[in-house]
Amino acid sequence: MNVDLSNTIALLASTPAALDGLLRHLPDTFAHANEGGDSWTPLDIVGHLIHGERTDWMPRLRIILADGESRTFAPFDMRGHEQEIAGRSMGDLLDELARLRARSVGDLRAMDLQPEDLQRRGRHPEFGPVSASEMLATWAAHDLTHLHQLSRVLAYPYREAVGPWQAYLGVLHCAGHSAK
C-alpha cells in the first residue's frame, strides 16, 4: 500500500508540537523517568529524534536521490542521543527538535518528490535495498513509535496507583516494541 506523501509530511510536521504539548510544562522528574532498568527517558526519546534529524532521515534521502544503491548509508548510532541531551533542559531539546524538524519538512516539501523519486532505492547497512517511499513511511512510523513509547514512560508510575482500573488501561500492559 502506498501512503500519500502529503499525509506523511503532515504527520512529520506535527510530531514536535505533540511532544511539546506532552512534555514542556511537566515537572522535571518526568523528563528523567523511565520504565525501569536502562530504558529510555523522555529526554532520551527527544534526544534520539534530534539525532535522527541530524544524521538519519534527510541525509539518507539525499543519498538515495544522489547516489542510489551505490552508496550504503552510514549505520545509525543508537547512542548518539546521549551527546544531544548532555546538560540540556527538556525545553531546549523541544525547541531544537522543532527547529530541525521544520527545516527537514521544508526541505522535503521543496524537493517536490514525484512518484518515480519515491521508487528510487538506496542501500541500508542492515536491510540492503530500500526505497525512498519505504524510508519516508518508516520515518513517520518511527515518530509514532516514540510517541507510543513516551506514553508508556509517562504512564509507568501510575501502574499500581490506578488500582482495579489497571485492567482497562492498555498503556500499562504494553511492553516495549522497539528493542530487537
N, C-alpha and C. Protein backbone atom coordinates (compact mmCIF):
# COMPACT_ATOMS: atom_id res chain seq x y z
N MET A 1 0.84 -1.17 0.00
CA MET A 1 0.00 0.00 0.00
C MET A 1 0.89 1.24 0.00
N ASN A 2 0.62 2.16 -0.87
CA ASN A 2 1.35 3.42 -0.91
C ASN A 2 0.68 4.41 0.03
N VAL A 3 1.49 5.16 0.73
CA VAL A 3 1.00 6.19 1.63
C VAL A 3 1.17 7.53 0.94
N ASP A 4 0.17 8.37 1.02
CA ASP A 4 0.23 9.68 0.40
C ASP A 4 1.33 10.51 1.07
N LEU A 5 2.25 11.03 0.26
CA LEU A 5 3.38 11.78 0.79
C LEU A 5 2.93 13.01 1.56
N SER A 6 1.89 13.68 1.12
CA SER A 6 1.44 14.87 1.84
C SER A 6 0.94 14.51 3.24
N ASN A 7 0.33 13.34 3.40
CA ASN A 7 -0.09 12.89 4.73
C ASN A 7 1.12 12.58 5.61
N THR A 8 2.12 11.96 5.01
CA THR A 8 3.34 11.65 5.76
C THR A 8 4.02 12.94 6.22
N ILE A 9 4.10 13.91 5.33
CA ILE A 9 4.72 15.18 5.69
C ILE A 9 3.92 15.87 6.79
N ALA A 10 2.60 15.81 6.72
CA ALA A 10 1.77 16.42 7.76
C ALA A 10 2.03 15.76 9.12
N LEU A 11 2.15 14.44 9.14
CA LEU A 11 2.43 13.75 10.38
C LEU A 11 3.81 14.14 10.91
N LEU A 12 4.81 14.15 10.03
CA LEU A 12 6.16 14.53 10.45
C LEU A 12 6.18 15.95 11.01
N ALA A 13 5.45 16.84 10.39
CA ALA A 13 5.41 18.23 10.84
C ALA A 13 4.74 18.36 12.20
N SER A 14 3.83 17.45 12.53
CA SER A 14 3.08 17.57 13.78
C SER A 14 3.78 16.99 15.00
N THR A 15 4.77 16.15 14.78
CA THR A 15 5.42 15.47 15.91
C THR A 15 6.01 16.43 16.94
N PRO A 16 6.78 17.45 16.55
CA PRO A 16 7.33 18.34 17.59
C PRO A 16 6.26 18.99 18.46
N ALA A 17 5.15 19.41 17.87
CA ALA A 17 4.08 20.03 18.67
C ALA A 17 3.44 19.01 19.62
N ALA A 18 3.29 17.78 19.17
CA ALA A 18 2.73 16.74 20.04
C ALA A 18 3.64 16.51 21.24
N LEU A 19 4.94 16.41 20.99
CA LEU A 19 5.89 16.23 22.08
C LEU A 19 5.89 17.44 23.01
N ASP A 20 5.87 18.62 22.42
CA ASP A 20 5.87 19.85 23.20
C ASP A 20 4.64 19.89 24.12
N GLY A 21 3.49 19.55 23.56
CA GLY A 21 2.26 19.57 24.35
C GLY A 21 2.30 18.60 25.52
N LEU A 22 2.95 17.46 25.34
CA LEU A 22 3.04 16.48 26.41
C LEU A 22 4.10 16.81 27.45
N LEU A 23 5.20 17.41 27.03
CA LEU A 23 6.37 17.45 27.89
C LEU A 23 6.79 18.82 28.44
N ARG A 24 6.53 19.87 27.72
CA ARG A 24 7.14 21.16 28.08
C ARG A 24 6.84 21.61 29.50
N HIS A 25 5.63 21.45 29.96
CA HIS A 25 5.26 22.02 31.25
C HIS A 25 5.18 20.99 32.38
N LEU A 26 5.68 19.80 32.13
CA LEU A 26 5.70 18.80 33.20
C LEU A 26 6.86 19.07 34.15
N PRO A 27 6.71 18.67 35.40
CA PRO A 27 7.84 18.77 36.32
C PRO A 27 9.04 17.99 35.79
N ASP A 28 10.22 18.44 36.14
CA ASP A 28 11.45 17.85 35.63
C ASP A 28 11.58 16.36 35.95
N THR A 29 10.91 15.90 37.00
CA THR A 29 11.00 14.48 37.35
C THR A 29 10.49 13.60 36.20
N PHE A 30 9.52 14.09 35.45
CA PHE A 30 9.01 13.32 34.31
C PHE A 30 10.08 13.18 33.22
N ALA A 31 10.89 14.20 33.02
CA ALA A 31 11.92 14.17 31.98
C ALA A 31 12.94 13.07 32.21
N HIS A 32 13.12 12.68 33.49
CA HIS A 32 14.12 11.69 33.86
C HIS A 32 13.52 10.33 34.20
N ALA A 33 12.22 10.19 34.08
CA ALA A 33 11.55 8.93 34.41
C ALA A 33 11.75 7.93 33.27
N ASN A 34 11.68 6.65 33.61
CA ASN A 34 11.73 5.62 32.58
C ASN A 34 10.87 4.43 33.00
N GLU A 35 10.98 3.35 32.25
CA GLU A 35 10.18 2.15 32.54
C GLU A 35 10.99 1.12 33.32
N GLY A 36 12.05 1.56 33.95
CA GLY A 36 12.89 0.66 34.72
C GLY A 36 14.14 0.27 33.96
N GLY A 37 15.14 -0.15 34.69
CA GLY A 37 16.39 -0.58 34.08
C GLY A 37 17.04 0.52 33.29
N ASP A 38 17.55 0.16 32.13
CA ASP A 38 18.22 1.15 31.27
C ASP A 38 17.30 1.63 30.15
N SER A 39 15.98 1.56 30.38
CA SER A 39 15.03 2.04 29.37
C SER A 39 15.15 3.55 29.23
N TRP A 40 14.64 4.06 28.13
CA TRP A 40 14.80 5.47 27.81
C TRP A 40 13.86 6.37 28.59
N THR A 41 14.36 7.56 28.86
CA THR A 41 13.59 8.63 29.48
C THR A 41 13.01 9.52 28.38
N PRO A 42 12.08 10.41 28.72
CA PRO A 42 11.63 11.39 27.73
C PRO A 42 12.80 12.21 27.15
N LEU A 43 13.79 12.55 27.97
CA LEU A 43 14.97 13.25 27.45
C LEU A 43 15.67 12.42 26.38
N ASP A 44 15.83 11.12 26.65
CA ASP A 44 16.46 10.23 25.66
C ASP A 44 15.66 10.19 24.37
N ILE A 45 14.34 10.10 24.49
CA ILE A 45 13.48 9.99 23.31
C ILE A 45 13.60 11.24 22.45
N VAL A 46 13.49 12.41 23.06
CA VAL A 46 13.59 13.65 22.29
C VAL A 46 15.01 13.80 21.72
N GLY A 47 16.02 13.45 22.51
CA GLY A 47 17.39 13.49 22.00
C GLY A 47 17.60 12.56 20.82
N HIS A 48 17.00 11.38 20.89
CA HIS A 48 17.08 10.42 19.78
C HIS A 48 16.44 10.99 18.51
N LEU A 49 15.30 11.64 18.66
CA LEU A 49 14.65 12.24 17.49
C LEU A 49 15.51 13.37 16.91
N ILE A 50 16.14 14.14 17.77
CA ILE A 50 17.05 15.19 17.30
C ILE A 50 18.22 14.57 16.55
N HIS A 51 18.80 13.54 17.12
CA HIS A 51 19.94 12.88 16.47
C HIS A 51 19.54 12.33 15.10
N GLY A 52 18.33 11.78 15.01
CA GLY A 52 17.84 11.29 13.73
C GLY A 52 17.66 12.42 12.71
N GLU A 53 17.21 13.57 13.17
CA GLU A 53 17.08 14.71 12.25
C GLU A 53 18.43 15.09 11.67
N ARG A 54 19.44 15.04 12.49
CA ARG A 54 20.78 15.45 12.04
C ARG A 54 21.46 14.41 11.14
N THR A 55 21.26 13.13 11.46
CA THR A 55 22.12 12.11 10.85
C THR A 55 21.41 11.04 10.05
N ASP A 56 20.10 10.98 10.11
CA ASP A 56 19.42 9.83 9.53
C ASP A 56 18.50 10.17 8.36
N TRP A 57 17.34 10.70 8.62
CA TRP A 57 16.26 10.73 7.63
C TRP A 57 16.59 11.54 6.38
N MET A 58 16.79 12.82 6.51
CA MET A 58 17.07 13.63 5.32
C MET A 58 18.44 13.32 4.72
N PRO A 59 19.48 13.10 5.52
CA PRO A 59 20.75 12.70 4.89
C PRO A 59 20.61 11.42 4.07
N ARG A 60 19.87 10.46 4.55
CA ARG A 60 19.68 9.22 3.79
C ARG A 60 18.83 9.44 2.55
N LEU A 61 17.81 10.27 2.66
CA LEU A 61 17.01 10.57 1.47
C LEU A 61 17.87 11.22 0.41
N ARG A 62 18.72 12.13 0.82
CA ARG A 62 19.63 12.78 -0.15
C ARG A 62 20.57 11.77 -0.78
N ILE A 63 21.04 10.79 -0.02
CA ILE A 63 21.90 9.74 -0.58
C ILE A 63 21.12 8.93 -1.62
N ILE A 64 19.89 8.57 -1.31
CA ILE A 64 19.07 7.81 -2.26
C ILE A 64 18.94 8.59 -3.57
N LEU A 65 18.61 9.86 -3.45
CA LEU A 65 18.36 10.66 -4.66
C LEU A 65 19.64 10.95 -5.44
N ALA A 66 20.77 11.07 -4.76
CA ALA A 66 22.02 11.41 -5.44
C ALA A 66 22.81 10.18 -5.88
N ASP A 67 22.83 9.14 -5.05
CA ASP A 67 23.74 8.02 -5.30
C ASP A 67 23.05 6.68 -5.48
N GLY A 68 21.77 6.60 -5.17
CA GLY A 68 21.07 5.32 -5.30
C GLY A 68 21.70 4.26 -4.42
N GLU A 69 21.74 3.04 -4.96
CA GLU A 69 22.27 1.91 -4.20
C GLU A 69 23.79 1.84 -4.20
N SER A 70 24.45 2.76 -4.91
CA SER A 70 25.91 2.69 -4.99
C SER A 70 26.60 3.11 -3.70
N ARG A 71 25.87 3.76 -2.80
CA ARG A 71 26.45 4.22 -1.53
C ARG A 71 25.59 3.71 -0.38
N THR A 72 26.19 2.93 0.50
CA THR A 72 25.48 2.41 1.66
C THR A 72 25.38 3.49 2.73
N PHE A 73 24.22 3.58 3.33
CA PHE A 73 24.02 4.53 4.43
C PHE A 73 24.99 4.21 5.56
N ALA A 74 25.46 5.23 6.24
CA ALA A 74 26.24 5.02 7.46
C ALA A 74 25.31 4.39 8.50
N PRO A 75 25.80 3.47 9.31
CA PRO A 75 24.95 2.91 10.37
C PRO A 75 24.51 4.01 11.33
N PHE A 76 23.30 3.88 11.84
CA PHE A 76 22.77 4.85 12.79
C PHE A 76 23.32 4.56 14.18
N ASP A 77 23.79 5.57 14.85
CA ASP A 77 24.34 5.44 16.20
C ASP A 77 23.20 5.52 17.21
N MET A 78 22.80 4.39 17.75
CA MET A 78 21.68 4.35 18.69
C MET A 78 22.00 5.00 20.03
N ARG A 79 23.25 5.36 20.25
CA ARG A 79 23.62 6.07 21.47
C ARG A 79 23.98 7.52 21.18
N GLY A 80 23.81 7.95 19.95
CA GLY A 80 24.14 9.31 19.56
C GLY A 80 23.35 10.36 20.31
N HIS A 81 22.17 9.98 20.78
CA HIS A 81 21.34 10.94 21.53
C HIS A 81 21.98 11.36 22.84
N GLU A 82 22.87 10.56 23.36
CA GLU A 82 23.49 10.89 24.65
C GLU A 82 24.26 12.20 24.56
N GLN A 83 24.92 12.44 23.45
CA GLN A 83 25.61 13.72 23.26
C GLN A 83 24.62 14.85 23.06
N GLU A 84 23.50 14.57 22.44
CA GLU A 84 22.49 15.60 22.19
C GLU A 84 21.88 16.13 23.48
N ILE A 85 21.71 15.26 24.48
CA ILE A 85 20.97 15.67 25.68
C ILE A 85 21.87 16.14 26.82
N ALA A 86 23.16 15.91 26.72
CA ALA A 86 24.07 16.22 27.83
C ALA A 86 23.94 17.68 28.26
N GLY A 87 23.52 17.87 29.50
CA GLY A 87 23.43 19.20 30.09
C GLY A 87 22.32 20.09 29.57
N ARG A 88 21.36 19.53 28.85
CA ARG A 88 20.31 20.35 28.25
C ARG A 88 18.97 20.11 28.93
N SER A 89 18.15 21.13 28.93
CA SER A 89 16.82 21.02 29.51
C SER A 89 15.85 20.46 28.47
N MET A 90 14.71 20.00 28.96
CA MET A 90 13.68 19.50 28.07
C MET A 90 13.21 20.61 27.13
N GLY A 91 13.00 21.81 27.66
CA GLY A 91 12.56 22.92 26.82
C GLY A 91 13.53 23.20 25.70
N ASP A 92 14.81 23.17 26.00
CA ASP A 92 15.83 23.41 24.98
C ASP A 92 15.80 22.32 23.91
N LEU A 93 15.64 21.08 24.35
CA LEU A 93 15.58 19.97 23.38
C LEU A 93 14.33 20.06 22.51
N LEU A 94 13.20 20.39 23.11
CA LEU A 94 11.97 20.53 22.32
C LEU A 94 12.11 21.65 21.30
N ASP A 95 12.72 22.75 21.69
CA ASP A 95 12.95 23.85 20.75
C ASP A 95 13.86 23.42 19.61
N GLU A 96 14.91 22.68 19.94
CA GLU A 96 15.85 22.20 18.92
C GLU A 96 15.18 21.24 17.96
N LEU A 97 14.39 20.31 18.49
CA LEU A 97 13.68 19.38 17.61
C LEU A 97 12.73 20.13 16.69
N ALA A 98 11.99 21.08 17.22
CA ALA A 98 11.05 21.85 16.40
C ALA A 98 11.79 22.57 15.27
N ARG A 99 12.92 23.17 15.59
CA ARG A 99 13.69 23.90 14.58
C ARG A 99 14.23 22.95 13.51
N LEU A 100 14.82 21.85 13.94
CA LEU A 100 15.38 20.89 12.98
C LEU A 100 14.30 20.24 12.12
N ARG A 101 13.17 19.87 12.76
CA ARG A 101 12.10 19.22 12.00
C ARG A 101 11.48 20.19 11.01
N ALA A 102 11.31 21.45 11.39
CA ALA A 102 10.76 22.44 10.45
C ALA A 102 11.67 22.56 9.24
N ARG A 103 12.96 22.54 9.46
CA ARG A 103 13.90 22.60 8.33
C ARG A 103 13.79 21.34 7.48
N SER A 104 13.72 20.17 8.12
CA SER A 104 13.59 18.91 7.36
C SER A 104 12.32 18.89 6.53
N VAL A 105 11.21 19.28 7.14
CA VAL A 105 9.93 19.28 6.44
C VAL A 105 9.96 20.29 5.29
N GLY A 106 10.53 21.45 5.54
CA GLY A 106 10.67 22.45 4.46
C GLY A 106 11.51 21.93 3.31
N ASP A 107 12.62 21.28 3.64
CA ASP A 107 13.48 20.70 2.61
C ASP A 107 12.75 19.60 1.84
N LEU A 108 12.02 18.77 2.58
CA LEU A 108 11.27 17.68 1.96
C LEU A 108 10.21 18.22 1.00
N ARG A 109 9.49 19.24 1.42
CA ARG A 109 8.49 19.85 0.53
C ARG A 109 9.15 20.46 -0.71
N ALA A 110 10.29 21.12 -0.50
CA ALA A 110 10.98 21.78 -1.61
C ALA A 110 11.51 20.77 -2.63
N MET A 111 11.73 19.54 -2.23
CA MET A 111 12.20 18.52 -3.17
C MET A 111 11.14 18.17 -4.20
N ASP A 112 9.88 18.43 -3.88
CA ASP A 112 8.78 18.15 -4.79
C ASP A 112 8.91 16.75 -5.39
N LEU A 113 9.03 15.77 -4.51
CA LEU A 113 9.25 14.40 -4.93
C LEU A 113 8.09 13.88 -5.78
N GLN A 114 8.45 13.24 -6.86
CA GLN A 114 7.49 12.65 -7.79
C GLN A 114 7.44 11.14 -7.56
N PRO A 115 6.41 10.47 -8.07
CA PRO A 115 6.30 9.02 -7.86
C PRO A 115 7.57 8.26 -8.23
N GLU A 116 8.23 8.66 -9.29
CA GLU A 116 9.46 7.95 -9.69
C GLU A 116 10.60 8.19 -8.68
N ASP A 117 10.60 9.36 -8.04
CA ASP A 117 11.61 9.63 -7.00
C ASP A 117 11.38 8.72 -5.79
N LEU A 118 10.11 8.51 -5.46
CA LEU A 118 9.78 7.70 -4.29
C LEU A 118 10.13 6.23 -4.49
N GLN A 119 10.24 5.81 -5.74
CA GLN A 119 10.61 4.42 -6.02
C GLN A 119 12.12 4.20 -6.09
N ARG A 120 12.88 5.28 -6.08
CA ARG A 120 14.33 5.16 -6.11
C ARG A 120 14.80 4.46 -4.85
N ARG A 121 15.91 3.75 -5.00
CA ARG A 121 16.38 2.91 -3.91
C ARG A 121 17.76 3.33 -3.43
N GLY A 122 17.97 3.12 -2.14
CA GLY A 122 19.27 3.28 -1.52
C GLY A 122 19.65 1.97 -0.87
N ARG A 123 20.80 1.97 -0.22
CA ARG A 123 21.28 0.74 0.40
C ARG A 123 21.44 0.95 1.91
N HIS A 124 20.59 0.27 2.65
CA HIS A 124 20.64 0.28 4.11
C HIS A 124 21.71 -0.70 4.57
N PRO A 125 22.49 -0.38 5.62
CA PRO A 125 23.57 -1.28 6.04
C PRO A 125 23.10 -2.63 6.57
N GLU A 126 21.87 -2.71 7.04
CA GLU A 126 21.35 -3.98 7.54
C GLU A 126 20.35 -4.62 6.59
N PHE A 127 19.46 -3.83 5.99
CA PHE A 127 18.36 -4.37 5.19
C PHE A 127 18.68 -4.51 3.72
N GLY A 128 19.74 -3.86 3.26
CA GLY A 128 20.03 -3.85 1.83
C GLY A 128 19.18 -2.80 1.13
N PRO A 129 18.70 -3.09 -0.09
CA PRO A 129 17.96 -2.08 -0.85
C PRO A 129 16.65 -1.68 -0.17
N VAL A 130 16.44 -0.36 -0.08
CA VAL A 130 15.20 0.21 0.46
C VAL A 130 14.80 1.37 -0.44
N SER A 131 13.51 1.59 -0.58
CA SER A 131 13.05 2.69 -1.43
C SER A 131 12.89 3.96 -0.61
N ALA A 132 12.90 5.08 -1.31
CA ALA A 132 12.65 6.37 -0.66
C ALA A 132 11.28 6.35 -0.01
N SER A 133 10.30 5.77 -0.67
CA SER A 133 8.95 5.69 -0.13
C SER A 133 8.93 4.90 1.18
N GLU A 134 9.61 3.76 1.20
CA GLU A 134 9.67 2.96 2.43
C GLU A 134 10.34 3.74 3.55
N MET A 135 11.40 4.45 3.23
CA MET A 135 12.11 5.19 4.25
C MET A 135 11.26 6.33 4.81
N LEU A 136 10.54 7.03 3.96
CA LEU A 136 9.68 8.12 4.43
C LEU A 136 8.53 7.59 5.28
N ALA A 137 7.96 6.46 4.89
CA ALA A 137 6.91 5.84 5.69
C ALA A 137 7.47 5.40 7.05
N THR A 138 8.69 4.89 7.04
CA THR A 138 9.33 4.46 8.27
C THR A 138 9.58 5.64 9.20
N TRP A 139 9.97 6.77 8.62
CA TRP A 139 10.20 7.98 9.42
C TRP A 139 8.94 8.36 10.18
N ALA A 140 7.80 8.34 9.51
CA ALA A 140 6.53 8.68 10.16
C ALA A 140 6.18 7.65 11.23
N ALA A 141 6.31 6.37 10.91
CA ALA A 141 6.00 5.32 11.88
C ALA A 141 6.99 5.36 13.05
N HIS A 142 8.22 5.74 12.78
CA HIS A 142 9.23 5.89 13.83
C HIS A 142 8.80 6.97 14.83
N ASP A 143 8.32 8.10 14.33
CA ASP A 143 7.81 9.14 15.22
C ASP A 143 6.69 8.58 16.10
N LEU A 144 5.76 7.87 15.49
CA LEU A 144 4.63 7.33 16.24
C LEU A 144 5.09 6.29 17.26
N THR A 145 6.10 5.51 16.91
CA THR A 145 6.65 4.54 17.85
C THR A 145 7.16 5.24 19.10
N HIS A 146 7.85 6.37 18.90
CA HIS A 146 8.39 7.07 20.07
C HIS A 146 7.32 7.84 20.84
N LEU A 147 6.27 8.28 20.18
CA LEU A 147 5.14 8.85 20.91
C LEU A 147 4.46 7.78 21.76
N HIS A 148 4.34 6.59 21.21
CA HIS A 148 3.80 5.44 21.96
C HIS A 148 4.70 5.12 23.15
N GLN A 149 6.00 5.08 22.89
CA GLN A 149 6.96 4.81 23.96
C GLN A 149 6.85 5.87 25.06
N LEU A 150 6.75 7.12 24.66
CA LEU A 150 6.63 8.21 25.61
C LEU A 150 5.37 8.04 26.47
N SER A 151 4.27 7.64 25.88
CA SER A 151 3.04 7.45 26.66
C SER A 151 3.23 6.33 27.68
N ARG A 152 3.97 5.28 27.32
CA ARG A 152 4.24 4.21 28.28
C ARG A 152 5.10 4.72 29.43
N VAL A 153 6.14 5.51 29.11
CA VAL A 153 7.04 6.04 30.14
C VAL A 153 6.27 6.94 31.10
N LEU A 154 5.43 7.82 30.56
CA LEU A 154 4.67 8.73 31.42
C LEU A 154 3.63 8.00 32.26
N ALA A 155 3.09 6.89 31.75
CA ALA A 155 2.09 6.12 32.48
C ALA A 155 2.70 5.18 33.52
N TYR A 156 3.95 4.83 33.35
CA TYR A 156 4.60 3.82 34.19
C TYR A 156 4.43 4.07 35.70
N PRO A 157 4.60 5.28 36.21
CA PRO A 157 4.46 5.49 37.65
C PRO A 157 3.04 5.23 38.17
N TYR A 158 2.07 5.18 37.29
CA TYR A 158 0.68 5.03 37.70
C TYR A 158 0.20 3.57 37.70
N ARG A 159 1.06 2.64 37.32
CA ARG A 159 0.62 1.26 37.12
C ARG A 159 -0.02 0.65 38.37
N GLU A 160 0.47 0.97 39.56
CA GLU A 160 -0.14 0.45 40.79
C GLU A 160 -1.19 1.40 41.33
N ALA A 161 -0.98 2.70 41.14
CA ALA A 161 -1.86 3.71 41.73
C ALA A 161 -3.28 3.66 41.18
N VAL A 162 -3.47 3.12 39.99
CA VAL A 162 -4.81 3.12 39.39
C VAL A 162 -5.70 2.02 39.95
N GLY A 163 -5.13 1.14 40.74
CA GLY A 163 -5.92 0.07 41.35
C GLY A 163 -6.57 -0.82 40.32
N PRO A 164 -7.86 -1.15 40.52
CA PRO A 164 -8.51 -2.12 39.63
C PRO A 164 -8.69 -1.64 38.19
N TRP A 165 -8.57 -0.32 37.95
CA TRP A 165 -8.72 0.18 36.58
C TRP A 165 -7.56 -0.27 35.69
N GLN A 166 -6.51 -0.77 36.30
CA GLN A 166 -5.35 -1.22 35.52
C GLN A 166 -5.77 -2.19 34.42
N ALA A 167 -6.76 -3.00 34.69
CA ALA A 167 -7.22 -3.99 33.70
C ALA A 167 -7.69 -3.34 32.41
N TYR A 168 -8.12 -2.08 32.47
CA TYR A 168 -8.66 -1.41 31.30
C TYR A 168 -7.69 -0.43 30.63
N LEU A 169 -6.51 -0.31 31.17
CA LEU A 169 -5.56 0.69 30.68
C LEU A 169 -4.43 0.01 29.92
N GLY A 170 -4.61 -0.13 28.63
CA GLY A 170 -3.66 -0.85 27.79
C GLY A 170 -2.25 -0.32 27.88
N VAL A 171 -2.07 0.98 28.07
CA VAL A 171 -0.74 1.57 28.13
C VAL A 171 0.06 0.99 29.30
N LEU A 172 -0.63 0.50 30.32
CA LEU A 172 0.06 -0.08 31.47
C LEU A 172 0.45 -1.54 31.25
N HIS A 173 -0.04 -2.14 30.19
CA HIS A 173 0.24 -3.54 29.90
C HIS A 173 1.15 -3.72 28.70
N CYS A 174 1.43 -2.63 28.04
CA CYS A 174 2.17 -2.70 26.79
C CYS A 174 3.66 -2.72 27.06
N ALA A 175 4.32 -3.74 26.59
CA ALA A 175 5.78 -3.82 26.73
C ALA A 175 6.42 -3.09 25.56
N GLY A 176 7.66 -2.70 25.74
CA GLY A 176 8.37 -2.02 24.66
C GLY A 176 8.45 -2.87 23.42
N HIS A 177 8.28 -2.25 22.28
CA HIS A 177 8.29 -2.96 21.00
C HIS A 177 9.53 -2.62 20.18
N SER A 178 10.24 -1.57 20.57
CA SER A 178 11.30 -1.06 19.71
C SER A 178 12.57 -1.87 19.78
N ALA A 179 12.81 -2.55 20.87
CA ALA A 179 14.05 -3.30 21.02
C ALA A 179 14.00 -4.57 20.17
N LYS A 180 15.16 -4.97 19.73
CA LYS A 180 15.23 -6.22 18.95
C LYS A 180 15.03 -7.39 19.86
